[in-house]
Amino acid sequence: MIGIDIDLLAGPEAKPFIALWAEIVARAVRGDAVSQDVVDRTMGAWSEWIVARTEFPIGVDPARSALAILAVDESMSHVQLAGRECRRSKIRLAGCAGSLRKVCSQR
């Protein structure tokens, strides 16, 4: 899933949406209640979407895993927004997946 996300975020058509999302998050961080509500609802919806469509290994907490996937996606989107190339071929996804598995398995 992360590899697909990285490829989607790498396209130039994604940049305006990434910039808008970054602005909404920044406003939420600065205390804007409307932006915080948008962030909460959006992150909750994406987390639920990931959990509903992903088969997680036994012993892995789906909710924590979804948040970890979102964290990676958010990081990648900021890298893209900063103008750095972020393609699947440039990232060692196997190592990333192993690290996420460890984090998501901890209770």
N, C-alpha and C. Protein backbone atom coordinates (compact mmCIF):
# COMPACT_ATOMS: atom_id res chain seq x y z
N MET A 1 0.82 -1.19 0.00
CA MET A 1 0.00 0.00 0.00
C MET A 1 0.86 1.26 0.00
N ILE A 2 1.91 1.28 0.78
CA ILE A 2 2.75 2.47 0.86
C ILE A 2 3.41 2.76 -0.48
N GLY A 3 3.84 1.71 -1.17
CA GLY A 3 4.45 1.91 -2.48
C GLY A 3 3.51 2.57 -3.46
N ILE A 4 2.26 2.15 -3.45
CA ILE A 4 1.25 2.77 -4.33
C ILE A 4 1.04 4.22 -3.93
N ASP A 5 0.94 4.47 -2.63
CA ASP A 5 0.75 5.84 -2.15
C ASP A 5 1.89 6.74 -2.58
N ILE A 6 3.10 6.22 -2.46
CA ILE A 6 4.27 7.02 -2.84
C ILE A 6 4.20 7.40 -4.31
N ASP A 7 3.85 6.44 -5.16
CA ASP A 7 3.74 6.73 -6.59
C ASP A 7 2.65 7.75 -6.87
N LEU A 8 1.51 7.65 -6.18
CA LEU A 8 0.43 8.62 -6.38
C LEU A 8 0.85 10.02 -5.93
N LEU A 9 1.53 10.10 -4.81
CA LEU A 9 1.96 11.39 -4.30
C LEU A 9 3.07 12.01 -5.15
N ALA A 10 3.78 11.19 -5.91
CA ALA A 10 4.89 11.68 -6.71
C ALA A 10 4.43 12.41 -7.96
N GLY A 11 3.19 12.22 -8.37
CA GLY A 11 2.70 12.85 -9.60
C GLY A 11 2.47 14.34 -9.41
N PRO A 12 2.71 15.12 -10.45
CA PRO A 12 2.53 16.58 -10.35
C PRO A 12 1.08 16.98 -10.07
N GLU A 13 0.14 16.13 -10.48
CA GLU A 13 -1.27 16.46 -10.24
C GLU A 13 -1.63 16.42 -8.75
N ALA A 14 -0.82 15.78 -7.94
CA ALA A 14 -1.10 15.69 -6.50
C ALA A 14 -0.64 16.94 -5.74
N LYS A 15 0.28 17.69 -6.28
CA LYS A 15 0.89 18.80 -5.54
C LYS A 15 -0.11 19.84 -5.03
N PRO A 16 -1.11 20.28 -5.80
CA PRO A 16 -2.06 21.26 -5.24
C PRO A 16 -2.84 20.72 -4.04
N PHE A 17 -3.17 19.43 -4.08
CA PHE A 17 -3.91 18.84 -2.97
C PHE A 17 -3.03 18.70 -1.73
N ILE A 18 -1.78 18.35 -1.96
CA ILE A 18 -0.82 18.24 -0.86
C ILE A 18 -0.62 19.61 -0.21
N ALA A 19 -0.51 20.65 -1.03
CA ALA A 19 -0.32 22.00 -0.50
C ALA A 19 -1.54 22.46 0.31
N LEU A 20 -2.73 22.15 -0.19
CA LEU A 20 -3.94 22.51 0.54
C LEU A 20 -4.01 21.77 1.88
N TRP A 21 -3.71 20.48 1.86
CA TRP A 21 -3.73 19.70 3.09
C TRP A 21 -2.70 20.24 4.09
N ALA A 22 -1.52 20.59 3.61
CA ALA A 22 -0.48 21.14 4.49
C ALA A 22 -0.96 22.44 5.14
N GLU A 23 -1.67 23.27 4.39
CA GLU A 23 -2.19 24.51 4.94
C GLU A 23 -3.27 24.25 5.99
N ILE A 24 -4.14 23.30 5.72
CA ILE A 24 -5.19 22.96 6.69
C ILE A 24 -4.56 22.45 7.98
N VAL A 25 -3.57 21.57 7.87
CA VAL A 25 -2.89 21.04 9.06
C VAL A 25 -2.18 22.17 9.82
N ALA A 26 -1.51 23.06 9.09
CA ALA A 26 -0.81 24.17 9.73
C ALA A 26 -1.79 25.06 10.50
N ARG A 27 -2.93 25.32 9.92
CA ARG A 27 -3.94 26.14 10.62
C ARG A 27 -4.45 25.42 11.87
N ALA A 28 -4.62 24.11 11.78
CA ALA A 28 -5.06 23.35 12.95
C ALA A 28 -4.02 23.43 14.06
N VAL A 29 -2.76 23.31 13.68
CA VAL A 29 -1.67 23.38 14.67
C VAL A 29 -1.65 24.74 15.35
N ARG A 30 -2.00 25.78 14.59
CA ARG A 30 -2.03 27.14 15.15
C ARG A 30 -3.29 27.42 15.97
N GLY A 31 -4.17 26.42 16.09
CA GLY A 31 -5.33 26.55 16.97
C GLY A 31 -6.65 26.85 16.29
N ASP A 32 -6.72 26.82 14.97
CA ASP A 32 -7.97 27.07 14.27
C ASP A 32 -8.90 25.86 14.45
N ALA A 33 -10.03 26.07 15.11
CA ALA A 33 -10.94 24.98 15.46
C ALA A 33 -11.56 24.33 14.23
N VAL A 34 -11.91 25.11 13.23
CA VAL A 34 -12.51 24.55 12.02
C VAL A 34 -11.51 23.64 11.32
N SER A 35 -10.27 24.10 11.19
CA SER A 35 -9.23 23.28 10.56
C SER A 35 -8.96 22.02 11.36
N GLN A 36 -8.96 22.13 12.68
CA GLN A 36 -8.75 20.95 13.53
C GLN A 36 -9.85 19.92 13.31
N ASP A 37 -11.09 20.40 13.18
CA ASP A 37 -12.20 19.50 12.92
C ASP A 37 -12.02 18.79 11.57
N VAL A 38 -11.58 19.54 10.56
CA VAL A 38 -11.34 18.94 9.24
C VAL A 38 -10.24 17.89 9.34
N VAL A 39 -9.16 18.21 10.05
CA VAL A 39 -8.06 17.25 10.21
C VAL A 39 -8.54 16.00 10.94
N ASP A 40 -9.24 16.17 12.03
CA ASP A 40 -9.72 15.03 12.81
C ASP A 40 -10.62 14.12 11.97
N ARG A 41 -11.58 14.73 11.26
CA ARG A 41 -12.51 13.93 10.47
C ARG A 41 -11.81 13.26 9.29
N THR A 42 -10.90 13.99 8.65
CA THR A 42 -10.20 13.43 7.49
C THR A 42 -9.27 12.28 7.89
N MET A 43 -8.48 12.49 8.94
CA MET A 43 -7.57 11.44 9.39
C MET A 43 -8.36 10.23 9.88
N GLY A 44 -9.47 10.46 10.56
CA GLY A 44 -10.31 9.35 11.01
C GLY A 44 -10.87 8.56 9.85
N ALA A 45 -11.35 9.27 8.83
CA ALA A 45 -11.92 8.60 7.66
C ALA A 45 -10.86 7.80 6.91
N TRP A 46 -9.67 8.38 6.73
CA TRP A 46 -8.60 7.65 6.03
C TRP A 46 -8.15 6.44 6.85
N SER A 47 -8.07 6.60 8.14
CA SER A 47 -7.67 5.48 9.00
C SER A 47 -8.67 4.34 8.88
N GLU A 48 -9.95 4.68 8.95
CA GLU A 48 -10.99 3.66 8.81
C GLU A 48 -10.93 3.00 7.43
N TRP A 49 -10.66 3.78 6.39
CA TRP A 49 -10.58 3.26 5.03
C TRP A 49 -9.44 2.25 4.92
N ILE A 50 -8.28 2.60 5.49
CA ILE A 50 -7.12 1.71 5.45
C ILE A 50 -7.42 0.41 6.19
N VAL A 51 -7.98 0.52 7.39
CA VAL A 51 -8.28 -0.67 8.19
C VAL A 51 -9.26 -1.59 7.45
N ALA A 52 -10.25 -1.00 6.80
CA ALA A 52 -11.27 -1.79 6.11
C ALA A 52 -10.74 -2.50 4.86
N ARG A 53 -9.65 -1.99 4.28
CA ARG A 53 -9.18 -2.53 3.01
C ARG A 53 -7.81 -3.21 3.07
N THR A 54 -7.29 -3.38 4.26
CA THR A 54 -5.96 -3.95 4.40
C THR A 54 -6.02 -5.22 5.24
N GLU A 55 -5.33 -6.23 4.78
CA GLU A 55 -5.22 -7.46 5.55
C GLU A 55 -3.93 -7.38 6.37
N PHE A 56 -4.08 -7.26 7.65
CA PHE A 56 -2.93 -7.12 8.53
C PHE A 56 -2.49 -8.48 9.07
N PRO A 57 -1.20 -8.67 9.27
CA PRO A 57 -0.72 -9.94 9.84
C PRO A 57 -1.25 -10.13 11.26
N ILE A 58 -1.32 -11.37 11.68
CA ILE A 58 -1.75 -11.69 13.04
C ILE A 58 -0.79 -11.01 14.02
N GLY A 59 -1.34 -10.41 15.04
CA GLY A 59 -0.54 -9.74 16.06
C GLY A 59 -0.28 -8.27 15.78
N VAL A 60 -0.73 -7.80 14.63
CA VAL A 60 -0.54 -6.39 14.28
C VAL A 60 -1.85 -5.66 14.53
N ASP A 61 -1.77 -4.57 15.25
CA ASP A 61 -2.94 -3.76 15.58
C ASP A 61 -3.35 -2.93 14.35
N PRO A 62 -4.51 -3.21 13.76
CA PRO A 62 -4.92 -2.49 12.55
C PRO A 62 -5.01 -0.97 12.72
N ALA A 63 -5.53 -0.51 13.85
CA ALA A 63 -5.66 0.93 14.06
C ALA A 63 -4.29 1.60 14.13
N ARG A 64 -3.37 1.00 14.86
CA ARG A 64 -2.00 1.56 14.94
C ARG A 64 -1.31 1.50 13.59
N SER A 65 -1.54 0.41 12.89
CA SER A 65 -0.94 0.25 11.57
C SER A 65 -1.45 1.31 10.60
N ALA A 66 -2.74 1.55 10.63
CA ALA A 66 -3.32 2.58 9.76
C ALA A 66 -2.71 3.94 10.06
N LEU A 67 -2.53 4.25 11.34
CA LEU A 67 -1.90 5.52 11.70
C LEU A 67 -0.45 5.58 11.23
N ALA A 68 0.25 4.46 11.30
CA ALA A 68 1.64 4.42 10.83
C ALA A 68 1.69 4.63 9.32
N ILE A 69 0.77 4.01 8.60
CA ILE A 69 0.72 4.20 7.15
C ILE A 69 0.43 5.66 6.83
N LEU A 70 -0.51 6.26 7.55
CA LEU A 70 -0.81 7.68 7.34
C LEU A 70 0.39 8.56 7.66
N ALA A 71 1.14 8.20 8.68
CA ALA A 71 2.33 8.98 9.04
C ALA A 71 3.37 8.94 7.91
N VAL A 72 3.55 7.77 7.34
CA VAL A 72 4.49 7.65 6.21
C VAL A 72 3.98 8.46 5.02
N ASP A 73 2.69 8.34 4.73
CA ASP A 73 2.11 9.11 3.62
C ASP A 73 2.28 10.61 3.84
N GLU A 74 2.01 11.06 5.06
CA GLU A 74 2.17 12.48 5.37
C GLU A 74 3.62 12.93 5.17
N SER A 75 4.55 12.12 5.63
CA SER A 75 5.97 12.46 5.46
C SER A 75 6.34 12.55 3.99
N MET A 76 5.88 11.57 3.22
CA MET A 76 6.17 11.56 1.79
C MET A 76 5.56 12.77 1.09
N SER A 77 4.36 13.15 1.51
CA SER A 77 3.72 14.30 0.87
C SER A 77 4.49 15.58 1.15
N HIS A 78 5.06 15.70 2.34
CA HIS A 78 5.86 16.89 2.65
C HIS A 78 7.18 16.90 1.88
N VAL A 79 7.75 15.74 1.69
CA VAL A 79 8.97 15.63 0.88
C VAL A 79 8.66 16.08 -0.55
N GLN A 80 7.52 15.61 -1.08
CA GLN A 80 7.11 16.01 -2.44
C GLN A 80 6.86 17.50 -2.51
N LEU A 81 6.19 18.05 -1.52
CA LEU A 81 5.85 19.47 -1.50
C LEU A 81 7.11 20.33 -1.49
N ALA A 82 8.15 19.82 -0.85
CA ALA A 82 9.43 20.54 -0.79
C ALA A 82 10.22 20.42 -2.10
N GLY A 83 9.67 19.69 -3.06
CA GLY A 83 10.31 19.59 -4.37
C GLY A 83 11.33 18.49 -4.51
N ARG A 84 11.35 17.56 -3.57
CA ARG A 84 12.28 16.44 -3.64
C ARG A 84 11.59 15.26 -4.29
N GLU A 85 12.31 14.56 -5.15
CA GLU A 85 11.72 13.40 -5.80
C GLU A 85 11.58 12.27 -4.80
N CYS A 86 10.43 11.66 -4.83
CA CYS A 86 10.13 10.59 -3.89
C CYS A 86 9.40 9.50 -4.63
N ARG A 87 10.14 8.65 -5.28
CA ARG A 87 9.55 7.56 -6.06
C ARG A 87 9.84 6.24 -5.35
N ARG A 88 8.98 5.28 -5.62
CA ARG A 88 9.11 3.97 -5.00
C ARG A 88 10.49 3.37 -5.26
N SER A 89 11.01 3.60 -6.46
CA SER A 89 12.31 3.02 -6.81
C SER A 89 13.45 3.60 -5.98
N LYS A 90 13.22 4.74 -5.34
CA LYS A 90 14.27 5.37 -4.56
C LYS A 90 14.18 5.05 -3.07
N ILE A 91 13.17 4.32 -2.69
CA ILE A 91 12.95 4.06 -1.27
C ILE A 91 13.00 2.56 -1.01
N ARG A 92 13.65 2.18 0.06
CA ARG A 92 13.74 0.77 0.43
C ARG A 92 12.49 0.40 1.22
N LEU A 93 11.45 0.00 0.50
CA LEU A 93 10.18 -0.30 1.15
C LEU A 93 10.26 -1.50 2.07
N ALA A 94 11.10 -2.46 1.78
CA ALA A 94 11.19 -3.64 2.63
C ALA A 94 11.62 -3.25 4.05
N GLY A 95 12.61 -2.38 4.15
CA GLY A 95 13.05 -1.92 5.47
C GLY A 95 11.98 -1.12 6.17
N CYS A 96 11.30 -0.30 5.42
CA CYS A 96 10.21 0.50 5.97
C CYS A 96 9.10 -0.41 6.48
N ALA A 97 8.73 -1.41 5.71
CA ALA A 97 7.67 -2.33 6.12
C ALA A 97 8.05 -3.08 7.39
N GLY A 98 9.31 -3.49 7.49
CA GLY A 98 9.77 -4.18 8.69
C GLY A 98 9.69 -3.31 9.92
N SER A 99 10.08 -2.06 9.78
CA SER A 99 10.01 -1.11 10.89
C SER A 99 8.57 -0.87 11.31
N LEU A 100 7.70 -0.68 10.32
CA LEU A 100 6.29 -0.47 10.64
C LEU A 100 5.69 -1.67 11.34
N ARG A 101 6.06 -2.86 10.91
CA ARG A 101 5.54 -4.08 11.53
C ARG A 101 5.93 -4.12 13.01
N LYS A 102 7.17 -3.75 13.32
CA LYS A 102 7.61 -3.74 14.72
C LYS A 102 6.80 -2.74 15.55
N VAL A 103 6.65 -1.54 15.01
CA VAL A 103 5.92 -0.49 15.73
C VAL A 103 4.47 -0.88 15.93
N CYS A 104 3.85 -1.41 14.91
CA CYS A 104 2.43 -1.73 14.96
C CYS A 104 2.13 -2.96 15.79
N SER A 105 3.12 -3.80 16.02
CA SER A 105 2.91 -5.01 16.81
C SER A 105 2.99 -4.73 18.30
N GLN A 106 3.61 -3.64 18.67
CA GLN A 106 3.75 -3.32 20.10
C GLN A 106 2.42 -2.89 20.66
N ARG A 107 2.13 -3.36 21.82
CA ARG A 107 0.84 -3.00 22.46
C ARG A 107 1.06 -2.25 23.71
